[in-house]
Amino acid sequence: MALAHFFAGRFDPASDWAEKALRNLPCLLASVALIAASHALSGRMDKAKQAMQRLHELDPSLRVSNLKEWLPIQRSEDFARFADGLRLAGLPE
């Protein structure tokens, strides 16, 4: 649900659903990344930075350059939106 909302450009529901998933699986990297990207694209940079800090704790090797290997998103526009959100949140290249 979180990804569907995110790719539709509905960032508030996307972060809400991702936070629900994270409560069930606290180490779910995709949820943390989705929270960071959603908050960044919504302009809530304080929350985006908090999520990015958690993402870095869970996987310090994650970069924009290896993002496609980590989460294979098929549509180029969806991948670009996700990568842009994570860049804004502070994910290194």
PDB file of N, CA and C in Angstrom:
ATOM      1  N   MET A   1       0.824  -1.195   0.000  1.00  0.00           N
ATOM      2  CA  MET A   1       0.000   0.000   0.000  1.00  0.00           C
ATOM      3  C   MET A   1       0.867   1.258   0.000  1.00  0.00           C
ATOM      4  N   ALA A   2       1.934   1.223   0.804  1.00  0.00           N
ATOM      5  CA  ALA A   2       2.790   2.399   0.902  1.00  0.00           C
ATOM      6  C   ALA A   2       3.403   2.734  -0.459  1.00  0.00           C
ATOM      7  N   LEU A   3       3.921   1.729  -1.142  1.00  0.00           N
ATOM      8  CA  LEU A   3       4.523   1.969  -2.454  1.00  0.00           C
ATOM      9  C   LEU A   3       3.499   2.464  -3.466  1.00  0.00           C
ATOM     10  N   ALA A   4       2.307   1.913  -3.442  1.00  0.00           N
ATOM     11  CA  ALA A   4       1.262   2.344  -4.377  1.00  0.00           C
ATOM     12  C   ALA A   4       0.939   3.823  -4.167  1.00  0.00           C
ATOM     13  N   HIS A   5       0.785   4.234  -2.922  1.00  0.00           N
ATOM     14  CA  HIS A   5       0.522   5.648  -2.641  1.00  0.00           C
ATOM     15  C   HIS A   5       1.707   6.511  -3.058  1.00  0.00           C
ATOM     16  N   PHE A   6       2.913   6.039  -2.763  1.00  0.00           N
ATOM     17  CA  PHE A   6       4.108   6.808  -3.111  1.00  0.00           C
ATOM     18  C   PHE A   6       4.191   7.035  -4.613  1.00  0.00           C
ATOM     19  N   PHE A   7       4.035   5.974  -5.396  1.00  0.00           N
ATOM     20  CA  PHE A   7       4.157   6.100  -6.843  1.00  0.00           C
ATOM     21  C   PHE A   7       3.020   6.914  -7.450  1.00  0.00           C
ATOM     22  N   ALA A   8       1.902   7.022  -6.723  1.00  0.00           N
ATOM     23  CA  ALA A   8       0.789   7.862  -7.177  1.00  0.00           C
ATOM     24  C   ALA A   8       0.966   9.315  -6.739  1.00  0.00           C
ATOM     25  N   GLY A   9       2.054   9.589  -6.010  1.00  0.00           N
ATOM     26  CA  GLY A   9       2.319  10.947  -5.578  1.00  0.00           C
ATOM     27  C   GLY A   9       1.589  11.357  -4.309  1.00  0.00           C
ATOM     28  N   ARG A  10       1.032  10.392  -3.611  1.00  0.00           N
ATOM     29  CA  ARG A  10       0.323  10.664  -2.349  1.00  0.00           C
ATOM     30  C   ARG A  10       1.270  10.338  -1.193  1.00  0.00           C
ATOM     31  N   PHE A  11       2.124  11.293  -0.846  1.00  0.00           N
ATOM     32  CA  PHE A  11       3.221  11.043   0.073  1.00  0.00           C
ATOM     33  C   PHE A  11       2.785  10.908   1.532  1.00  0.00           C
ATOM     34  N   ASP A  12       1.747  11.615   1.933  1.00  0.00           N
ATOM     35  CA  ASP A  12       1.285  11.471   3.320  1.00  0.00           C
ATOM     36  C   ASP A  12       0.744  10.071   3.594  1.00  0.00           C
ATOM     37  N   PRO A  13      -0.190   9.557   2.769  1.00  0.00           N
ATOM     38  CA  PRO A  13      -0.624   8.179   3.011  1.00  0.00           C
ATOM     39  C   PRO A  13       0.502   7.159   2.836  1.00  0.00           C
ATOM     40  N   ALA A  14       1.444   7.451   1.938  1.00  0.00           N
ATOM     41  CA  ALA A  14       2.574   6.535   1.747  1.00  0.00           C
ATOM     42  C   ALA A  14       3.387   6.423   3.033  1.00  0.00           C
ATOM     43  N   SER A  15       3.689   7.550   3.650  1.00  0.00           N
ATOM     44  CA  SER A  15       4.469   7.482   4.892  1.00  0.00           C
ATOM     45  C   SER A  15       3.651   6.862   6.015  1.00  0.00           C
ATOM     46  N   ASP A  16       2.343   7.113   6.049  1.00  0.00           N
ATOM     47  CA  ASP A  16       1.490   6.483   7.075  1.00  0.00           C
ATOM     48  C   ASP A  16       1.523   4.961   6.957  1.00  0.00           C
ATOM     49  N   TRP A  17       1.354   4.449   5.734  1.00  0.00           N
ATOM     50  CA  TRP A  17       1.361   2.993   5.533  1.00  0.00           C
ATOM     51  C   TRP A  17       2.744   2.402   5.813  1.00  0.00           C
ATOM     52  N   ALA A  18       3.788   3.112   5.418  1.00  0.00           N
ATOM     53  CA  ALA A  18       5.137   2.612   5.666  1.00  0.00           C
ATOM     54  C   ALA A  18       5.423   2.569   7.169  1.00  0.00           C
ATOM     55  N   GLU A  19       4.936   3.552   7.909  1.00  0.00           N
ATOM     56  CA  GLU A  19       5.127   3.547   9.363  1.00  0.00           C
ATOM     57  C   GLU A  19       4.359   2.398  10.020  1.00  0.00           C
ATOM     58  N   LYS A  20       3.188   2.072   9.493  1.00  0.00           N
ATOM     59  CA  LYS A  20       2.437   0.908  10.002  1.00  0.00           C
ATOM     60  C   LYS A  20       3.232  -0.375   9.767  1.00  0.00           C
ATOM     61  N   ALA A  21       3.789  -0.519   8.585  1.00  0.00           N
ATOM     62  CA  ALA A  21       4.587  -1.709   8.274  1.00  0.00           C
ATOM     63  C   ALA A  21       5.812  -1.779   9.172  1.00  0.00           C
ATOM     64  N   LEU A  22       6.404  -0.640   9.437  1.00  0.00           N
ATOM     65  CA  LEU A  22       7.602  -0.590  10.268  1.00  0.00           C
ATOM     66  C   LEU A  22       7.312  -0.993  11.713  1.00  0.00           C
ATOM     67  N   ARG A  23       6.120  -0.691  12.182  1.00  0.00           N
ATOM     68  CA  ARG A  23       5.755  -1.117  13.541  1.00  0.00           C
ATOM     69  C   ARG A  23       5.715  -2.643  13.642  1.00  0.00           C
ATOM     70  N   ASN A  24       5.329  -3.307  12.563  1.00  0.00           N
ATOM     71  CA  ASN A  24       5.281  -4.771  12.552  1.00  0.00           C
ATOM     72  C   ASN A  24       6.651  -5.393  12.315  1.00  0.00           C
ATOM     73  N   LEU A  25       7.465  -4.753  11.498  1.00  0.00           N
ATOM     74  CA  LEU A  25       8.807  -5.242  11.168  1.00  0.00           C
ATOM     75  C   LEU A  25       9.790  -4.082  11.291  1.00  0.00           C
ATOM     76  N   PRO A  26      10.318  -3.835  12.492  1.00  0.00           N
ATOM     77  CA  PRO A  26      11.128  -2.642  12.742  1.00  0.00           C
ATOM     78  C   PRO A  26      12.415  -2.537  11.928  1.00  0.00           C
ATOM     79  N   CYS A  27      12.857  -3.597  11.314  1.00  0.00           N
ATOM     80  CA  CYS A  27      14.091  -3.554  10.521  1.00  0.00           C
ATOM     81  C   CYS A  27      13.823  -3.609   9.023  1.00  0.00           C
ATOM     82  N   LEU A  28      12.606  -3.334   8.613  1.00  0.00           N
ATOM     83  CA  LEU A  28      12.246  -3.403   7.200  1.00  0.00           C
ATOM     84  C   LEU A  28      12.809  -2.176   6.475  1.00  0.00           C
ATOM     85  N   LEU A  29      13.906  -2.376   5.770  1.00  0.00           N
ATOM     86  CA  LEU A  29      14.608  -1.278   5.107  1.00  0.00           C
ATOM     87  C   LEU A  29      13.724  -0.523   4.117  1.00  0.00           C
ATOM     88  N   ALA A  30      12.926  -1.238   3.357  1.00  0.00           N
ATOM     89  CA  ALA A  30      12.094  -0.582   2.352  1.00  0.00           C
ATOM     90  C   ALA A  30      11.129   0.406   2.998  1.00  0.00           C
ATOM     91  N   SER A  31      10.585   0.055   4.149  1.00  0.00           N
ATOM     92  CA  SER A  31       9.670   0.975   4.838  1.00  0.00           C
ATOM     93  C   SER A  31      10.395   2.219   5.317  1.00  0.00           C
ATOM     94  N   VAL A  32      11.575   2.040   5.872  1.00  0.00           N
ATOM     95  CA  VAL A  32      12.339   3.186   6.356  1.00  0.00           C
ATOM     96  C   VAL A  32      12.705   4.100   5.183  1.00  0.00           C
ATOM     97  N   ALA A  33      13.132   3.506   4.076  1.00  0.00           N
ATOM     98  CA  ALA A  33      13.476   4.289   2.892  1.00  0.00           C
ATOM     99  C   ALA A  33      12.263   5.025   2.345  1.00  0.00           C
ATOM    100  N   LEU A  34      11.138   4.369   2.332  1.00  0.00           N
ATOM    101  CA  LEU A  34       9.914   4.982   1.831  1.00  0.00           C
ATOM    102  C   LEU A  34       9.464   6.131   2.722  1.00  0.00           C
ATOM    103  N   ILE A  35       9.630   5.977   4.020  1.00  0.00           N
ATOM    104  CA  ILE A  35       9.309   7.055   4.959  1.00  0.00           C
ATOM    105  C   ILE A  35      10.217   8.258   4.683  1.00  0.00           C
ATOM    106  N   ALA A  36      11.515   8.001   4.519  1.00  0.00           N
ATOM    107  CA  ALA A  36      12.461   9.090   4.255  1.00  0.00           C
ATOM    108  C   ALA A  36      12.114   9.819   2.958  1.00  0.00           C
ATOM    109  N   ALA A  37      11.886   9.068   1.900  1.00  0.00           N
ATOM    110  CA  ALA A  37      11.584   9.677   0.600  1.00  0.00           C
ATOM    111  C   ALA A  37      10.250  10.425   0.633  1.00  0.00           C
ATOM    112  N   SER A  38       9.247   9.836   1.253  1.00  0.00           N
ATOM    113  CA  SER A  38       7.925  10.480   1.326  1.00  0.00           C
ATOM    114  C   SER A  38       7.986  11.790   2.092  1.00  0.00           C
ATOM    115  N   HIS A  39       8.640  11.772   3.232  1.00  0.00           N
ATOM    116  CA  HIS A  39       8.749  13.002   4.019  1.00  0.00           C
ATOM    117  C   HIS A  39       9.546  14.063   3.268  1.00  0.00           C
ATOM    118  N   ALA A  40      10.626  13.658   2.614  1.00  0.00           N
ATOM    119  CA  ALA A  40      11.440  14.624   1.876  1.00  0.00           C
ATOM    120  C   ALA A  40      10.639  15.269   0.747  1.00  0.00           C
ATOM    121  N   LEU A  41       9.910  14.464  -0.001  1.00  0.00           N
ATOM    122  CA  LEU A  41       9.136  15.005  -1.120  1.00  0.00           C
ATOM    123  C   LEU A  41       7.927  15.809  -0.656  1.00  0.00           C
ATOM    124  N   SER A  42       7.533  15.646   0.610  1.00  0.00           N
ATOM    125  CA  SER A  42       6.442  16.444   1.181  1.00  0.00           C
ATOM    126  C   SER A  42       6.959  17.698   1.862  1.00  0.00           C
ATOM    127  N   GLY A  43       8.284  17.853   1.909  1.00  0.00           N
ATOM    128  CA  GLY A  43       8.865  19.026   2.521  1.00  0.00           C
ATOM    129  C   GLY A  43       9.070  18.923   4.024  1.00  0.00           C
ATOM    130  N   ARG A  44       8.881  17.747   4.583  1.00  0.00           N
ATOM    131  CA  ARG A  44       9.092  17.548   6.024  1.00  0.00           C
ATOM    132  C   ARG A  44      10.511  17.012   6.249  1.00  0.00           C
ATOM    133  N   MET A  45      11.466  17.903   6.080  1.00  0.00           N
ATOM    134  CA  MET A  45      12.863  17.488   6.076  1.00  0.00           C
ATOM    135  C   MET A  45      13.347  16.984   7.428  1.00  0.00           C
ATOM    136  N   ASP A  46      12.795  17.478   8.517  1.00  0.00           N
ATOM    137  CA  ASP A  46      13.223  16.987   9.828  1.00  0.00           C
ATOM    138  C   ASP A  46      12.896  15.506   9.975  1.00  0.00           C
ATOM    139  N   LYS A  47      11.692  15.117   9.558  1.00  0.00           N
ATOM    140  CA  LYS A  47      11.310  13.703   9.627  1.00  0.00           C
ATOM    141  C   LYS A  47      12.073  12.878   8.597  1.00  0.00           C
ATOM    142  N   ALA A  48      12.333  13.458   7.438  1.00  0.00           N
ATOM    143  CA  ALA A  48      13.106  12.757   6.409  1.00  0.00           C
ATOM    144  C   ALA A  48      14.514  12.457   6.902  1.00  0.00           C
ATOM    145  N   LYS A  49      15.131  13.420   7.552  1.00  0.00           N
ATOM    146  CA  LYS A  49      16.492  13.227   8.067  1.00  0.00           C
ATOM    147  C   LYS A  49      16.515  12.177   9.178  1.00  0.00           C
ATOM    148  N   GLN A  50      15.491  12.152  10.024  1.00  0.00           N
ATOM    149  CA  GLN A  50      15.413  11.129  11.069  1.00  0.00           C
ATOM    150  C   GLN A  50      15.316   9.741  10.452  1.00  0.00           C
ATOM    151  N   ALA A  51      14.467   9.600   9.447  1.00  0.00           N
ATOM    152  CA  ALA A  51      14.324   8.308   8.780  1.00  0.00           C
ATOM    153  C   ALA A  51      15.622   7.925   8.069  1.00  0.00           C
ATOM    154  N   MET A  52      16.301   8.905   7.470  1.00  0.00           N
ATOM    155  CA  MET A  52      17.552   8.611   6.780  1.00  0.00           C
ATOM    156  C   MET A  52      18.619   8.158   7.769  1.00  0.00           C
ATOM    157  N   GLN A  53      18.625   8.727   8.954  1.00  0.00           N
ATOM    158  CA  GLN A  53      19.576   8.292   9.975  1.00  0.00           C
ATOM    159  C   GLN A  53      19.309   6.833  10.343  1.00  0.00           C
ATOM    160  N   ARG A  54      18.051   6.466  10.494  1.00  0.00           N
ATOM    161  CA  ARG A  54      17.685   5.071  10.806  1.00  0.00           C
ATOM    162  C   ARG A  54      18.072   4.155   9.646  1.00  0.00           C
ATOM    163  N   LEU A  55      17.841   4.595   8.427  1.00  0.00           N
ATOM    164  CA  LEU A  55      18.200   3.792   7.254  1.00  0.00           C
ATOM    165  C   LEU A  55      19.703   3.558   7.221  1.00  0.00           C
ATOM    166  N   HIS A  56      20.473   4.577   7.518  1.00  0.00           N
ATOM    167  CA  HIS A  56      21.934   4.439   7.529  1.00  0.00           C
ATOM    168  C   HIS A  56      22.385   3.463   8.623  1.00  0.00           C
ATOM    169  N   GLU A  57      21.695   3.481   9.764  1.00  0.00           N
ATOM    170  CA  GLU A  57      22.029   2.522  10.829  1.00  0.00           C
ATOM    171  C   GLU A  57      21.758   1.092  10.379  1.00  0.00           C
ATOM    172  N   LEU A  58      20.656   0.900   9.645  1.00  0.00           N
ATOM    173  CA  LEU A  58      20.290  -0.438   9.192  1.00  0.00           C
ATOM    174  C   LEU A  58      21.165  -0.924   8.045  1.00  0.00           C
ATOM    175  N   ASP A  59      21.558  -0.015   7.150  1.00  0.00           N
ATOM    176  CA  ASP A  59      22.390  -0.396   6.000  1.00  0.00           C
ATOM    177  C   ASP A  59      23.304   0.762   5.619  1.00  0.00           C
ATOM    178  N   PRO A  60      24.481   0.841   6.250  1.00  0.00           N
ATOM    179  CA  PRO A  60      25.384   1.951   5.965  1.00  0.00           C
ATOM    180  C   PRO A  60      25.950   1.945   4.544  1.00  0.00           C
ATOM    181  N   SER A  61      25.828   0.851   3.826  1.00  0.00           N
ATOM    182  CA  SER A  61      26.378   0.777   2.466  1.00  0.00           C
ATOM    183  C   SER A  61      25.398   1.263   1.402  1.00  0.00           C
ATOM    184  N   LEU A  62      24.170   1.552   1.758  1.00  0.00           N
ATOM    185  CA  LEU A  62      23.171   1.957   0.768  1.00  0.00           C
ATOM    186  C   LEU A  62      23.505   3.328   0.199  1.00  0.00           C
ATOM    187  N   ARG A  63      23.471   3.419  -1.122  1.00  0.00           N
ATOM    188  CA  ARG A  63      23.742   4.648  -1.863  1.00  0.00           C
ATOM    189  C   ARG A  63      22.739   4.743  -3.007  1.00  0.00           C
ATOM    190  N   VAL A  64      22.607   5.917  -3.575  1.00  0.00           N
ATOM    191  CA  VAL A  64      21.768   6.079  -4.758  1.00  0.00           C
ATOM    192  C   VAL A  64      22.303   5.192  -5.878  1.00  0.00           C
ATOM    193  N   SER A  65      23.625   5.078  -5.967  1.00  0.00           N
ATOM    194  CA  SER A  65      24.247   4.297  -7.040  1.00  0.00           C
ATOM    195  C   SER A  65      23.937   2.803  -6.955  1.00  0.00           C
ATOM    196  N   ASN A  66      23.631   2.269  -5.772  1.00  0.00           N
ATOM    197  CA  ASN A  66      23.302   0.841  -5.684  1.00  0.00           C
ATOM    198  C   ASN A  66      21.842   0.599  -5.308  1.00  0.00           C
ATOM    199  N   LEU A  67      21.051   1.653  -5.378  1.00  0.00           N
ATOM    200  CA  LEU A  67      19.640   1.566  -5.001  1.00  0.00           C
ATOM    201  C   LEU A  67      18.858   0.593  -5.881  1.00  0.00           C
ATOM    202  N   LYS A  68      19.143   0.587  -7.155  1.00  0.00           N
ATOM    203  CA  LYS A  68      18.399  -0.274  -8.082  1.00  0.00           C
ATOM    204  C   LYS A  68      18.642  -1.751  -7.780  1.00  0.00           C
ATOM    205  N   GLU A  69      19.816  -2.100  -7.316  1.00  0.00           N
ATOM    206  CA  GLU A  69      20.112  -3.486  -6.937  1.00  0.00           C
ATOM    207  C   GLU A  69      19.347  -3.873  -5.672  1.00  0.00           C
ATOM    208  N   TRP A  70      19.155  -2.920  -4.807  1.00  0.00           N
ATOM    209  CA  TRP A  70      18.540  -3.154  -3.516  1.00  0.00           C
ATOM    210  C   TRP A  70      17.021  -3.256  -3.611  1.00  0.00           C
ATOM    211  N   LEU A  71      16.426  -2.424  -4.441  1.00  0.00           N
ATOM    212  CA  LEU A  71      14.975  -2.425  -4.616  1.00  0.00           C
ATOM    213  C   LEU A  71      14.675  -2.241  -6.098  1.00  0.00           C
ATOM    214  N   PRO A  72      14.512  -3.339  -6.817  1.00  0.00           N
ATOM    215  CA  PRO A  72      14.348  -3.242  -8.275  1.00  0.00           C
ATOM    216  C   PRO A  72      12.965  -2.710  -8.664  1.00  0.00           C
ATOM    217  N   ILE A  73      12.892  -1.420  -8.897  1.00  0.00           N
ATOM    218  CA  ILE A  73      11.661  -0.771  -9.335  1.00  0.00           C
ATOM    219  C   ILE A  73      11.704  -0.728 -10.861  1.00  0.00           C
ATOM    220  N   GLN A  74      10.686  -1.245 -11.496  1.00  0.00           N
ATOM    221  CA  GLN A  74      10.702  -1.431 -12.939  1.00  0.00           C
ATOM    222  C   GLN A  74      10.499  -0.143 -13.739  1.00  0.00           C
ATOM    223  N   ARG A  75       9.516   0.659 -13.381  1.00  0.00           N
ATOM    224  CA  ARG A  75       9.229   1.872 -14.164  1.00  0.00           C
ATOM    225  C   ARG A  75      10.249   2.953 -13.836  1.00  0.00           C
ATOM    226  N   SER A  76      10.869   3.492 -14.876  1.00  0.00           N
ATOM    227  CA  SER A  76      11.938   4.470 -14.673  1.00  0.00           C
ATOM    228  C   SER A  76      11.446   5.711 -13.933  1.00  0.00           C
ATOM    229  N   GLU A  77      10.226   6.154 -14.196  1.00  0.00           N
ATOM    230  CA  GLU A  77       9.722   7.343 -13.509  1.00  0.00           C
ATOM    231  C   GLU A  77       9.479   7.079 -12.022  1.00  0.00           C
ATOM    232  N   ASP A  78       9.089   5.846 -11.682  1.00  0.00           N
ATOM    233  CA  ASP A  78       8.913   5.486 -10.274  1.00  0.00           C
ATOM    234  C   ASP A  78      10.267   5.434  -9.560  1.00  0.00           C
ATOM    235  N   PHE A  79      11.247   4.836 -10.225  1.00  0.00           N
ATOM    236  CA  PHE A  79      12.581   4.768  -9.637  1.00  0.00           C
ATOM    237  C   PHE A  79      13.150   6.178  -9.445  1.00  0.00           C
ATOM    238  N   ALA A  80      12.969   7.030 -10.446  1.00  0.00           N
ATOM    239  CA  ALA A  80      13.493   8.397 -10.366  1.00  0.00           C
ATOM    240  C   ALA A  80      12.862   9.150  -9.196  1.00  0.00           C
ATOM    241  N   ARG A  81      11.565   8.998  -8.995  1.00  0.00           N
ATOM    242  CA  ARG A  81      10.892   9.679  -7.884  1.00  0.00           C
ATOM    243  C   ARG A  81      11.436   9.180  -6.546  1.00  0.00           C
ATOM    244  N   PHE A  82      11.604   7.863  -6.431  1.00  0.00           N
ATOM    245  CA  PHE A  82      12.112   7.276  -5.199  1.00  0.00           C
ATOM    246  C   PHE A  82      13.542   7.749  -4.927  1.00  0.00           C
ATOM    247  N   ALA A  83      14.387   7.696  -5.951  1.00  0.00           N
ATOM    248  CA  ALA A  83      15.783   8.138  -5.802  1.00  0.00           C
ATOM    249  C   ALA A  83      15.846   9.622  -5.468  1.00  0.00           C
ATOM    250  N   ASP A  84      15.020  10.438  -6.112  1.00  0.00           N
ATOM    251  CA  ASP A  84      15.007  11.875  -5.831  1.00  0.00           C
ATOM    252  C   ASP A  84      14.611  12.151  -4.381  1.00  0.00           C
ATOM    253  N   GLY A  85      13.602  11.427  -3.895  1.00  0.00           N
ATOM    254  CA  GLY A  85      13.194  11.602  -2.508  1.00  0.00           C
ATOM    255  C   GLY A  85      14.300  11.226  -1.540  1.00  0.00           C
ATOM    256  N   LEU A  86      14.987  10.130  -1.826  1.00  0.00           N
ATOM    257  CA  LEU A  86      16.076   9.709  -0.950  1.00  0.00           C
ATOM    258  C   LEU A  86      17.270  10.655  -1.030  1.00  0.00           C
ATOM    259  N   ARG A  87      17.535  11.190  -2.213  1.00  0.00           N
ATOM    260  CA  ARG A  87      18.596  12.205  -2.341  1.00  0.00           C
ATOM    261  C   ARG A  87      18.275  13.418  -1.469  1.00  0.00           C
ATOM    262  N   LEU A  88      17.030  13.888  -1.577  1.00  0.00           N
ATOM    263  CA  LEU A  88      16.609  15.039  -0.768  1.00  0.00           C
ATOM    264  C   LEU A  88      16.747  14.746   0.727  1.00  0.00           C
ATOM    265  N   ALA A  89      16.470  13.514   1.097  1.00  0.00           N
ATOM    266  CA  ALA A  89      16.560  13.118   2.512  1.00  0.00           C
ATOM    267  C   ALA A  89      18.002  12.957   2.972  1.00  0.00           C
ATOM    268  N   GLY A  90      18.938  12.870   2.021  1.00  0.00           N
ATOM    269  CA  GLY A  90      20.346  12.811   2.392  1.00  0.00           C
ATOM    270  C   GLY A  90      21.073  11.529   2.040  1.00  0.00           C
ATOM    271  N   LEU A  91      20.483  10.673   1.206  1.00  0.00           N
ATOM    272  CA  LEU A  91      21.192   9.457   0.810  1.00  0.00           C
ATOM    273  C   LEU A  91      22.355   9.819  -0.093  1.00  0.00           C
ATOM    274  N   PRO A  92      23.569   9.377   0.226  1.00  0.00           N
ATOM    275  CA  PRO A  92      24.734   9.713  -0.619  1.00  0.00           C
ATOM    276  C   PRO A  92      24.641   9.063  -1.996  1.00  0.00           C
ATOM    277  N   GLU A  93      25.300   9.704  -2.938  1.00  0.00           N
ATOM    278  CA  GLU A  93      25.344   9.164  -4.308  1.00  0.00           C
ATOM    279  C   GLU A  93      26.158   7.905  -4.322  1.00  0.00           C
TER     280      GLU A  93
END
